[in-house]
Amino acid sequence: MEHSQTFLMLVRQASLGDTDSTKELLQASSTRLFSYLLQLTMDFSLAKRLTKEIQNEMVLSLWRLKKPQHFWPWIYAQAWEAVKENYSDTRRHKDLFLSDEEEEFFVKQLNTKKVREDDFFREQDTDRLFKTVYQAMKRMSLVQRNIIVLRCFEDISFDEIALRIGRSDTRTRVLFFRAKQKIKYRLWLQKYRANRMFLPALGLFGTVTSIVPSACTPSTVVVERISIQIGFVPWLIGTLTSEIGIFFSSLTSFVLIWFAIAHALFLGVICLLLLPFALVLLITVLAAE
């Protein structure tokens, strides 16, 4: 419905002040907005509170929206600003365990029909896999998490994401690369084959943290491989500026410096060895004259 003509007409009628359309729009948009806020904040209570606040603001300012097709970028921009005001990145290293409310919600989502009957997840410990990605997502910065969510779950292009978060396209891709590596690292720590499990694990996280109006049966989120491709230059920058890249760069510099010193010492020894012969040759030439 969100991309259909019916939804666009609903947005248009609500922006013109139609009360019934406004109520229907609030109901139709609440689940997607809550899912985005939950994925962004990793805080169930905060996501619920911000959903209400943003929807209240939406009712008051919807008349400013000129084009109905811009509804979601407009709402997401408000959500991003609200999250930045109410969330501190210093919290990302704390409270890594689920609250009782979050635990109940995620268990319910993991036991929905779509997850249970998925051929791939049927053979996996979905609870363990979800919590692995959850901890990786909660440890990364708010900006990195937003890029992951917008790119992988909302299918928004890197250049559009860059405009939304106020970064260059290349910087956005590098941040995405670093976020992806953090998830792969957590998968590796839990003995998963990181490269093979990255896309399914991220898809599971997107599925479990997304809700739709139909009775607790979330649509399975599939993250396509093309959505995680960033190009050679961002990959190179991300690799060289990563902890491993910095380590190997430092190691390479250390080796090159010592090679230069060894080379200089070698040349010095050769000069010292040749010096007596040079003196003998010089004395011989002077004696001959």
C-alpha atoms as a PDB file:
ATOM      1  CA  MET A   1       0.000   0.000   0.000  1.00  0.00           C
ATOM      2  CA  GLU A   2       2.827   2.396   0.832  1.00  0.00           C
ATOM      3  CA  HIS A   3       3.881   2.826  -2.813  1.00  0.00           C
ATOM      4  CA  SER A   4       0.423   2.486  -4.394  1.00  0.00           C
ATOM      5  CA  GLN A   5      -1.833   5.168  -5.796  1.00  0.00           C
ATOM      6  CA  THR A   6      -4.224   4.445  -2.920  1.00  0.00           C
ATOM      7  CA  PHE A   7      -1.582   5.379  -0.357  1.00  0.00           C
ATOM      8  CA  LEU A   8      -0.556   8.502  -2.269  1.00  0.00           C
ATOM      9  CA  MET A   9      -4.189   9.557  -2.449  1.00  0.00           C
ATOM     10  CA  LEU A  10      -4.500   8.926   1.288  1.00  0.00           C
ATOM     11  CA  VAL A  11      -1.487  11.179   1.955  1.00  0.00           C
ATOM     12  CA  ARG A  12      -2.915  13.886  -0.304  1.00  0.00           C
ATOM     13  CA  GLN A  13      -6.326  13.817   1.404  1.00  0.00           C
ATOM     14  CA  ALA A  14      -4.722  13.887   4.854  1.00  0.00           C
ATOM     15  CA  SER A  15      -2.521  16.842   3.872  1.00  0.00           C
ATOM     16  CA  LEU A  16      -5.672  18.707   2.849  1.00  0.00           C
ATOM     17  CA  GLY A  17      -7.070  18.256   6.359  1.00  0.00           C
ATOM     18  CA  ASP A  18      -9.418  15.305   5.910  1.00  0.00           C
ATOM     19  CA  THR A  19      -9.846  13.843   9.427  1.00  0.00           C
ATOM     20  CA  ASP A  20     -10.681  10.258   8.410  1.00  0.00           C
ATOM     21  CA  SER A  21      -7.761  10.142   5.974  1.00  0.00           C
ATOM     22  CA  THR A  22      -5.428  11.474   8.668  1.00  0.00           C
ATOM     23  CA  LYS A  23      -6.484   8.739  11.098  1.00  0.00           C
ATOM     24  CA  GLU A  24      -6.050   6.079   8.429  1.00  0.00           C
ATOM     25  CA  LEU A  25      -2.627   7.461   7.478  1.00  0.00           C
ATOM     26  CA  LEU A  26      -1.491   7.380  11.103  1.00  0.00           C
ATOM     27  CA  GLN A  27      -2.486   3.744  11.350  1.00  0.00           C
ATOM     28  CA  ALA A  28      -0.979   2.814   7.975  1.00  0.00           C
ATOM     29  CA  SER A  29       2.381   4.487   8.658  1.00  0.00           C
ATOM     30  CA  SER A  30       2.883   3.641  12.343  1.00  0.00           C
ATOM     31  CA  THR A  31       4.288   0.123  11.879  1.00  0.00           C
ATOM     32  CA  ARG A  32       6.886   1.064   9.284  1.00  0.00           C
ATOM     33  CA  LEU A  33       7.918   4.146  11.242  1.00  0.00           C
ATOM     34  CA  PHE A  34       8.232   2.138  14.464  1.00  0.00           C
ATOM     35  CA  SER A  35      10.321  -0.530  12.675  1.00  0.00           C
ATOM     36  CA  TYR A  36      12.713   2.113  11.331  1.00  0.00           C
ATOM     37  CA  LEU A  37      13.056   3.741  14.748  1.00  0.00           C
ATOM     38  CA  LEU A  38      13.612   0.395  16.455  1.00  0.00           C
ATOM     39  CA  GLN A  39      16.332  -0.559  13.982  1.00  0.00           C
ATOM     40  CA  LEU A  40      17.890   2.862  14.402  1.00  0.00           C
ATOM     41  CA  THR A  41      17.793   3.260  18.177  1.00  0.00           C
ATOM     42  CA  MET A  42      17.919  -0.417  19.250  1.00  0.00           C
ATOM     43  CA  ASP A  43      15.716   0.736  22.113  1.00  0.00           C
ATOM     44  CA  PHE A  44      12.149  -0.573  22.176  1.00  0.00           C
ATOM     45  CA  SER A  45      10.753   1.995  24.643  1.00  0.00           C
ATOM     46  CA  LEU A  46      12.452   4.923  22.897  1.00  0.00           C
ATOM     47  CA  ALA A  47      11.188   3.740  19.501  1.00  0.00           C
ATOM     48  CA  LYS A  48       7.605   3.606  20.788  1.00  0.00           C
ATOM     49  CA  ARG A  49       7.842   7.079  22.333  1.00  0.00           C
ATOM     50  CA  LEU A  50       9.405   8.661  19.267  1.00  0.00           C
ATOM     51  CA  THR A  51       6.822   7.045  16.984  1.00  0.00           C
ATOM     52  CA  LYS A  52       4.047   8.835  18.877  1.00  0.00           C
ATOM     53  CA  GLU A  53       5.926  12.135  18.949  1.00  0.00           C
ATOM     54  CA  ILE A  54       6.759  12.068  15.238  1.00  0.00           C
ATOM     55  CA  GLN A  55       3.206  11.143  14.296  1.00  0.00           C
ATOM     56  CA  ASN A  56       1.859  13.990  16.421  1.00  0.00           C
ATOM     57  CA  GLU A  57       4.228  16.366  14.620  1.00  0.00           C
ATOM     58  CA  MET A  58       3.187  14.817  11.301  1.00  0.00           C
ATOM     59  CA  VAL A  59      -0.461  15.695  11.918  1.00  0.00           C
ATOM     60  CA  LEU A  60       0.460  19.317  12.643  1.00  0.00           C
ATOM     61  CA  SER A  61       2.809  19.820   9.687  1.00  0.00           C
ATOM     62  CA  LEU A  62       1.485  17.479   6.991  1.00  0.00           C
ATOM     63  CA  TRP A  63      -0.044  20.445   5.148  1.00  0.00           C
ATOM     64  CA  ARG A  64       3.501  21.529   4.245  1.00  0.00           C
ATOM     65  CA  LEU A  65       4.117  18.357   2.230  1.00  0.00           C
ATOM     66  CA  LYS A  66       3.692  19.364  -1.416  1.00  0.00           C
ATOM     67  CA  LYS A  67       4.236  15.964  -3.073  1.00  0.00           C
ATOM     68  CA  PRO A  68       2.681  12.786  -1.598  1.00  0.00           C
ATOM     69  CA  GLN A  69       5.484  10.627  -3.046  1.00  0.00           C
ATOM     70  CA  HIS A  70       7.914  12.430  -0.727  1.00  0.00           C
ATOM     71  CA  PHE A  71       6.020  11.301   2.364  1.00  0.00           C
ATOM     72  CA  TRP A  72       8.499   8.653   3.554  1.00  0.00           C
ATOM     73  CA  PRO A  73      11.687  10.676   2.936  1.00  0.00           C
ATOM     74  CA  TRP A  74       9.983  13.525   4.814  1.00  0.00           C
ATOM     75  CA  ILE A  75       8.983  11.293   7.746  1.00  0.00           C
ATOM     76  CA  TYR A  76      12.383   9.598   7.872  1.00  0.00           C
ATOM     77  CA  ALA A  77      14.103  12.991   7.932  1.00  0.00           C
ATOM     78  CA  GLN A  78      12.001  13.936  10.975  1.00  0.00           C
ATOM     79  CA  ALA A  79      12.758  10.564  12.576  1.00  0.00           C
ATOM     80  CA  TRP A  80      16.499  11.000  12.011  1.00  0.00           C
ATOM     81  CA  GLU A  81      16.505  14.419  13.652  1.00  0.00           C
ATOM     82  CA  ALA A  82      14.403  13.160  16.571  1.00  0.00           C
ATOM     83  CA  VAL A  83      16.722  10.206  17.138  1.00  0.00           C
ATOM     84  CA  LYS A  84      19.820  12.420  17.092  1.00  0.00           C
ATOM     85  CA  GLU A  85      18.243  14.612  19.771  1.00  0.00           C
ATOM     86  CA  ASN A  86      17.211  11.694  21.976  1.00  0.00           C
ATOM     87  CA  TYR A  87      20.030   9.217  21.495  1.00  0.00           C
ATOM     88  CA  SER A  88      23.688   9.305  22.465  1.00  0.00           C
ATOM     89  CA  ASP A  89      26.324   7.217  20.707  1.00  0.00           C
ATOM     90  CA  THR A  90      28.002   6.735  24.080  1.00  0.00           C
ATOM     91  CA  ARG A  91      25.259   4.210  24.820  1.00  0.00           C
ATOM     92  CA  ARG A  92      26.261   1.860  22.040  1.00  0.00           C
ATOM     93  CA  HIS A  93      28.775   0.007  24.248  1.00  0.00           C
ATOM     94  CA  LYS A  94      26.294  -0.405  27.079  1.00  0.00           C
ATOM     95  CA  ASP A  95      23.072  -2.327  27.685  1.00  0.00           C
ATOM     96  CA  LEU A  96      23.882  -4.988  25.102  1.00  0.00           C
ATOM     97  CA  PHE A  97      21.355  -7.363  26.594  1.00  0.00           C
ATOM     98  CA  LEU A  98      17.672  -7.251  25.695  1.00  0.00           C
ATOM     99  CA  SER A  99      15.153  -5.749  28.080  1.00  0.00           C
ATOM    100  CA  ASP A 100      12.194  -7.942  29.091  1.00  0.00           C
ATOM    101  CA  GLU A 101       9.949  -6.002  26.722  1.00  0.00           C
ATOM    102  CA  GLU A 102      12.386  -6.409  23.834  1.00  0.00           C
ATOM    103  CA  GLU A 103      12.939 -10.083  24.630  1.00  0.00           C
ATOM    104  CA  GLU A 104       9.202 -10.753  24.522  1.00  0.00           C
ATOM    105  CA  PHE A 105       8.768  -8.853  21.266  1.00  0.00           C
ATOM    106  CA  PHE A 106      11.705 -10.509  19.484  1.00  0.00           C
ATOM    107  CA  VAL A 107      10.768 -14.028  20.651  1.00  0.00           C
ATOM    108  CA  LYS A 108       7.290 -13.427  19.264  1.00  0.00           C
ATOM    109  CA  GLN A 109       8.756 -12.244  15.968  1.00  0.00           C
ATOM    110  CA  LEU A 110      11.170 -15.190  15.745  1.00  0.00           C
ATOM    111  CA  ASN A 111       8.278 -17.616  16.170  1.00  0.00           C
ATOM    112  CA  THR A 112       6.162 -16.226  13.362  1.00  0.00           C
ATOM    113  CA  LYS A 113       5.229 -18.461  10.465  1.00  0.00           C
ATOM    114  CA  LYS A 114       7.446 -16.673   7.928  1.00  0.00           C
ATOM    115  CA  VAL A 115      10.583 -17.264  10.015  1.00  0.00           C
ATOM    116  CA  ARG A 116       9.762 -20.810  11.120  1.00  0.00           C
ATOM    117  CA  GLU A 117       8.947 -22.007   7.615  1.00  0.00           C
ATOM    118  CA  ASP A 118      11.857 -20.361   5.805  1.00  0.00           C
ATOM    119  CA  ASP A 119      13.976 -23.142   4.278  1.00  0.00           C
ATOM    120  CA  PHE A 120      17.277 -21.536   5.218  1.00  0.00           C
ATOM    121  CA  PHE A 121      16.408 -20.551   8.788  1.00  0.00           C
ATOM    122  CA  ARG A 122      14.772 -23.908   9.506  1.00  0.00           C
ATOM    123  CA  GLU A 123      18.248 -25.377   9.895  1.00  0.00           C
ATOM    124  CA  GLN A 124      19.602 -22.473  11.970  1.00  0.00           C
ATOM    125  CA  ASP A 125      19.442 -21.478  15.622  1.00  0.00           C
ATOM    126  CA  THR A 126      17.622 -18.263  14.737  1.00  0.00           C
ATOM    127  CA  ASP A 127      17.657 -16.926  18.302  1.00  0.00           C
ATOM    128  CA  ARG A 128      21.466 -17.180  18.511  1.00  0.00           C
ATOM    129  CA  LEU A 129      21.939 -15.798  14.988  1.00  0.00           C
ATOM    130  CA  PHE A 130      19.621 -12.846  15.636  1.00  0.00           C
ATOM    131  CA  LYS A 131      21.308 -11.928  18.925  1.00  0.00           C
ATOM    132  CA  THR A 132      24.721 -12.073  17.223  1.00  0.00           C
ATOM    133  CA  VAL A 133      23.667  -9.468  14.654  1.00  0.00           C
ATOM    134  CA  TYR A 134      21.756  -7.508  17.307  1.00  0.00           C
ATOM    135  CA  GLN A 135      24.895  -7.089  19.406  1.00  0.00           C
ATOM    136  CA  ALA A 136      26.942  -6.071  16.338  1.00  0.00           C
ATOM    137  CA  MET A 137      24.325  -3.483  15.348  1.00  0.00           C
ATOM    138  CA  LYS A 138      24.091  -2.099  18.868  1.00  0.00           C
ATOM    139  CA  ARG A 139      27.870  -1.706  19.115  1.00  0.00           C
ATOM    140  CA  MET A 140      28.193   0.379  15.941  1.00  0.00           C
ATOM    141  CA  SER A 141      27.620   4.118  15.731  1.00  0.00           C
ATOM    142  CA  LEU A 142      24.194   5.610  15.069  1.00  0.00           C
ATOM    143  CA  VAL A 143      25.275   6.887  11.643  1.00  0.00           C
ATOM    144  CA  GLN A 144      26.611   3.486  10.594  1.00  0.00           C
ATOM    145  CA  ARG A 145      23.411   1.795  11.727  1.00  0.00           C
ATOM    146  CA  ASN A 146      21.304   4.298   9.804  1.00  0.00           C
ATOM    147  CA  ILE A 147      23.279   3.609   6.629  1.00  0.00           C
ATOM    148  CA  ILE A 148      22.817  -0.152   7.061  1.00  0.00           C
ATOM    149  CA  VAL A 149      19.072   0.230   7.631  1.00  0.00           C
ATOM    150  CA  LEU A 150      18.453   2.634   4.749  1.00  0.00           C
ATOM    151  CA  ARG A 151      20.606   0.721   2.279  1.00  0.00           C
ATOM    152  CA  CYS A 152      19.723  -2.883   3.124  1.00  0.00           C
ATOM    153  CA  PHE A 153      16.146  -2.625   4.419  1.00  0.00           C
ATOM    154  CA  GLU A 154      14.837   0.449   2.584  1.00  0.00           C
ATOM    155  CA  ASP A 155      16.810  -0.059  -0.656  1.00  0.00           C
ATOM    156  CA  ILE A 156      17.888   3.580  -0.824  1.00  0.00           C
ATOM    157  CA  SER A 157      20.887   4.498  -2.986  1.00  0.00           C
ATOM    158  CA  PHE A 158      24.173   5.567  -1.412  1.00  0.00           C
ATOM    159  CA  ASP A 159      24.005   9.052  -2.928  1.00  0.00           C
ATOM    160  CA  GLU A 160      20.525   9.612  -1.452  1.00  0.00           C
ATOM    161  CA  ILE A 161      21.674   8.303   1.931  1.00  0.00           C
ATOM    162  CA  ALA A 162      24.670  10.648   1.761  1.00  0.00           C
ATOM    163  CA  LEU A 163      22.331  13.612   1.295  1.00  0.00           C
ATOM    164  CA  ARG A 164      20.194  12.528   4.245  1.00  0.00           C
ATOM    165  CA  ILE A 165      23.066  12.120   6.709  1.00  0.00           C
ATOM    166  CA  GLY A 166      25.203  15.011   5.467  1.00  0.00           C
ATOM    167  CA  ARG A 167      28.202  12.988   4.262  1.00  0.00           C
ATOM    168  CA  SER A 168      29.887  12.562   0.892  1.00  0.00           C
ATOM    169  CA  ASP A 169      28.993   9.541  -1.212  1.00  0.00           C
ATOM    170  CA  THR A 170      32.446   8.011  -0.739  1.00  0.00           C
ATOM    171  CA  ARG A 171      32.406   8.619   3.024  1.00  0.00           C
ATOM    172  CA  THR A 172      28.963   7.005   3.240  1.00  0.00           C
ATOM    173  CA  ARG A 173      30.199   3.910   1.408  1.00  0.00           C
ATOM    174  CA  VAL A 174      33.270   3.673   3.669  1.00  0.00           C
ATOM    175  CA  LEU A 175      31.062   3.884   6.776  1.00  0.00           C
ATOM    176  CA  PHE A 176      28.853   1.161   5.316  1.00  0.00           C
ATOM    177  CA  PHE A 177      31.933  -1.018   4.711  1.00  0.00           C
ATOM    178  CA  ARG A 178      33.061  -0.598   8.327  1.00  0.00           C
ATOM    179  CA  ALA A 179      29.592  -1.419   9.646  1.00  0.00           C
ATOM    180  CA  LYS A 180      29.484  -4.518   7.470  1.00  0.00           C
ATOM    181  CA  GLN A 181      32.875  -5.640   8.777  1.00  0.00           C
ATOM    182  CA  LYS A 182      31.664  -5.249  12.375  1.00  0.00           C
ATOM    183  CA  ILE A 183      28.757  -7.590  11.700  1.00  0.00           C
ATOM    184  CA  LYS A 184      31.032 -10.109   9.983  1.00  0.00           C
ATOM    185  CA  TYR A 185      33.445  -9.957  12.905  1.00  0.00           C
ATOM    186  CA  ARG A 186      30.668 -10.791  15.396  1.00  0.00           C
ATOM    187  CA  LEU A 187      29.558 -13.674  13.180  1.00  0.00           C
ATOM    188  CA  TRP A 188      33.130 -14.951  13.050  1.00  0.00           C
ATOM    189  CA  LEU A 189      33.432 -14.758  16.841  1.00  0.00           C
ATOM    190  CA  GLN A 190      30.333 -16.946  17.112  1.00  0.00           C
ATOM    191  CA  LYS A 191      31.915 -19.546  14.784  1.00  0.00           C
ATOM    192  CA  TYR A 192      29.749 -18.684  11.784  1.00  0.00           C
ATOM    193  CA  ARG A 193      31.139 -18.551   8.251  1.00  0.00           C
ATOM    194  CA  ALA A 194      30.944 -14.759   8.106  1.00  0.00           C
ATOM    195  CA  ASN A 195      30.912 -14.242   4.321  1.00  0.00           C
ATOM    196  CA  ARG A 196      28.271 -16.923   3.777  1.00  0.00           C
ATOM    197  CA  MET A 197      26.045 -15.928   6.687  1.00  0.00           C
ATOM    198  CA  PHE A 198      26.239 -12.141   6.420  1.00  0.00           C
ATOM    199  CA  LEU A 199      23.298 -11.604   4.049  1.00  0.00           C
ATOM    200  CA  PRO A 200      20.951 -14.171   5.681  1.00  0.00           C
ATOM    201  CA  ALA A 201      21.832 -12.900   9.161  1.00  0.00           C
ATOM    202  CA  LEU A 202      21.154  -9.297   8.188  1.00  0.00           C
ATOM    203  CA  GLY A 203      17.910 -10.385   6.531  1.00  0.00           C
ATOM    204  CA  LEU A 204      16.854 -12.156   9.735  1.00  0.00           C
ATOM    205  CA  PHE A 205      17.582  -9.022  11.762  1.00  0.00           C
ATOM    206  CA  GLY A 206      15.530  -6.916   9.343  1.00  0.00           C
ATOM    207  CA  THR A 207      12.669  -9.434   9.463  1.00  0.00           C
ATOM    208  CA  VAL A 208      12.537  -9.671  13.253  1.00  0.00           C
ATOM    209  CA  THR A 209      12.766  -5.909  13.830  1.00  0.00           C
ATOM    210  CA  SER A 210      10.075  -5.117  11.238  1.00  0.00           C
ATOM    211  CA  ILE A 211       6.373  -5.320  11.922  1.00  0.00           C
ATOM    212  CA  VAL A 212       3.405  -5.113   9.589  1.00  0.00           C
ATOM    213  CA  PRO A 213      -0.297  -4.713  10.330  1.00  0.00           C
ATOM    214  CA  SER A 214      -1.118  -8.381   9.692  1.00  0.00           C
ATOM    215  CA  ALA A 215      -1.178 -10.567  12.794  1.00  0.00           C
ATOM    216  CA  CYS A 216       2.447 -10.899  13.780  1.00  0.00           C
ATOM    217  CA  THR A 217       3.571 -12.349  10.462  1.00  0.00           C
ATOM    218  CA  PRO A 218       6.465 -10.150   9.317  1.00  0.00           C
ATOM    219  CA  SER A 219       7.442 -10.195   5.682  1.00  0.00           C
ATOM    220  CA  THR A 220      10.788 -11.910   5.285  1.00  0.00           C
ATOM    221  CA  VAL A 221      13.441  -9.290   4.541  1.00  0.00           C
ATOM    222  CA  VAL A 222      15.853 -10.366   1.821  1.00  0.00           C
ATOM    223  CA  VAL A 223      19.085  -8.382   1.488  1.00  0.00           C
ATOM    224  CA  GLU A 224      20.395  -8.582  -2.075  1.00  0.00           C
ATOM    225  CA  ARG A 225      24.125  -8.926  -2.707  1.00  0.00           C
ATOM    226  CA  ILE A 226      24.113  -5.909  -5.024  1.00  0.00           C
ATOM    227  CA  SER A 227      22.980  -3.692  -2.130  1.00  0.00           C
ATOM    228  CA  ILE A 228      26.236  -4.279  -0.231  1.00  0.00           C
ATOM    229  CA  GLN A 229      28.561  -3.520  -3.145  1.00  0.00           C
ATOM    230  CA  ILE A 230      30.399  -0.245  -2.545  1.00  0.00           C
ATOM    231  CA  GLY A 231      33.001   0.026  -5.314  1.00  0.00           C
ATOM    232  CA  PHE A 232      36.797  -0.314  -5.315  1.00  0.00           C
ATOM    233  CA  VAL A 233      37.845   3.100  -3.980  1.00  0.00           C
ATOM    234  CA  PRO A 234      35.617   3.040  -0.847  1.00  0.00           C
ATOM    235  CA  TRP A 235      36.645  -0.576  -0.260  1.00  0.00           C
ATOM    236  CA  LEU A 236      40.322   0.384  -0.488  1.00  0.00           C
ATOM    237  CA  ILE A 237      39.894   3.363   1.853  1.00  0.00           C
ATOM    238  CA  GLY A 238      37.881   1.279   4.294  1.00  0.00           C
ATOM    239  CA  THR A 239      40.430  -1.516   4.250  1.00  0.00           C
ATOM    240  CA  LEU A 240      43.468   0.731   4.647  1.00  0.00           C
ATOM    241  CA  THR A 241      41.865   2.737   7.470  1.00  0.00           C
ATOM    242  CA  SER A 242      40.568  -0.297   9.346  1.00  0.00           C
ATOM    243  CA  GLU A 243      42.409  -1.574  12.416  1.00  0.00           C
ATOM    244  CA  ILE A 244      43.892  -4.440  10.417  1.00  0.00           C
ATOM    245  CA  GLY A 245      44.744  -2.124   7.535  1.00  0.00           C
ATOM    246  CA  ILE A 246      46.466   0.342   9.867  1.00  0.00           C
ATOM    247  CA  PHE A 247      48.385  -2.519  11.489  1.00  0.00           C
ATOM    248  CA  PHE A 248      49.661  -3.854   8.159  1.00  0.00           C
ATOM    249  CA  SER A 249      50.398  -0.330   6.930  1.00  0.00           C
ATOM    250  CA  SER A 250      52.457   0.276  10.067  1.00  0.00           C
ATOM    251  CA  LEU A 251      54.148  -3.096   9.674  1.00  0.00           C
ATOM    252  CA  THR A 252      54.940  -2.343   6.036  1.00  0.00           C
ATOM    253  CA  SER A 253      56.351   1.072   6.952  1.00  0.00           C
ATOM    254  CA  PHE A 254      58.447  -0.537   9.708  1.00  0.00           C
ATOM    255  CA  VAL A 255      59.832  -3.140   7.286  1.00  0.00           C
ATOM    256  CA  LEU A 256      60.593  -0.508   4.621  1.00  0.00           C
ATOM    257  CA  ILE A 257      62.409   1.701   7.145  1.00  0.00           C
ATOM    258  CA  TRP A 258      64.530  -1.184   8.359  1.00  0.00           C
ATOM    259  CA  PHE A 259      65.196  -2.228   4.775  1.00  0.00           C
ATOM    260  CA  ALA A 260      66.385   1.298   4.002  1.00  0.00           C
ATOM    261  CA  ILE A 261      68.630   1.283   7.096  1.00  0.00           C
ATOM    262  CA  ALA A 262      70.003  -2.161   6.211  1.00  0.00           C
ATOM    263  CA  HIS A 263      70.606  -1.025   2.643  1.00  0.00           C
ATOM    264  CA  ALA A 264      72.475   2.072   3.866  1.00  0.00           C
ATOM    265  CA  LEU A 265      74.565  -0.038   6.253  1.00  0.00           C
ATOM    266  CA  PHE A 266      75.354  -2.481   3.470  1.00  0.00           C
ATOM    267  CA  LEU A 267      76.543   0.330   1.212  1.00  0.00           C
ATOM    268  CA  GLY A 268      78.611   1.714   4.091  1.00  0.00           C
ATOM    269  CA  VAL A 269      80.319  -1.649   4.663  1.00  0.00           C
ATOM    270  CA  ILE A 270      81.062  -1.979   0.948  1.00  0.00           C
ATOM    271  CA  CYS A 271      82.618   1.492   0.967  1.00  0.00           C
ATOM    272  CA  LEU A 272      84.763   0.622   3.970  1.00  0.00           C
ATOM    273  CA  LEU A 273      85.936  -2.591   2.301  1.00  0.00           C
ATOM    274  CA  LEU A 274      86.800  -0.766  -0.915  1.00  0.00           C
ATOM    275  CA  LEU A 275      88.537   2.099   0.852  1.00  0.00           C
ATOM    276  CA  PRO A 276      91.956   0.329   1.255  1.00  0.00           C
ATOM    277  CA  PHE A 277      91.966  -0.644  -2.417  1.00  0.00           C
ATOM    278  CA  ALA A 278      91.115   2.919  -3.357  1.00  0.00           C
ATOM    279  CA  LEU A 279      93.992   4.231  -1.235  1.00  0.00           C
ATOM    280  CA  VAL A 280      96.446   1.744  -2.760  1.00  0.00           C
ATOM    281  CA  LEU A 281      95.293   2.715  -6.247  1.00  0.00           C
ATOM    282  CA  LEU A 282      95.673   6.415  -5.418  1.00  0.00           C
ATOM    283  CA  ILE A 283      99.198   5.933  -4.007  1.00  0.00           C
ATOM    284  CA  THR A 284     100.160   3.901  -7.081  1.00  0.00           C
ATOM    285  CA  VAL A 285      98.948   6.617  -9.427  1.00  0.00           C
ATOM    286  CA  LEU A 286     100.797   9.327  -7.478  1.00  0.00           C
ATOM    287  CA  ALA A 287     104.006   7.274  -7.384  1.00  0.00           C
ATOM    288  CA  ALA A 288     103.833   6.689 -11.120  1.00  0.00           C
ATOM    289  CA  GLU A 289     103.672  10.426 -11.727  1.00  0.00           C
END
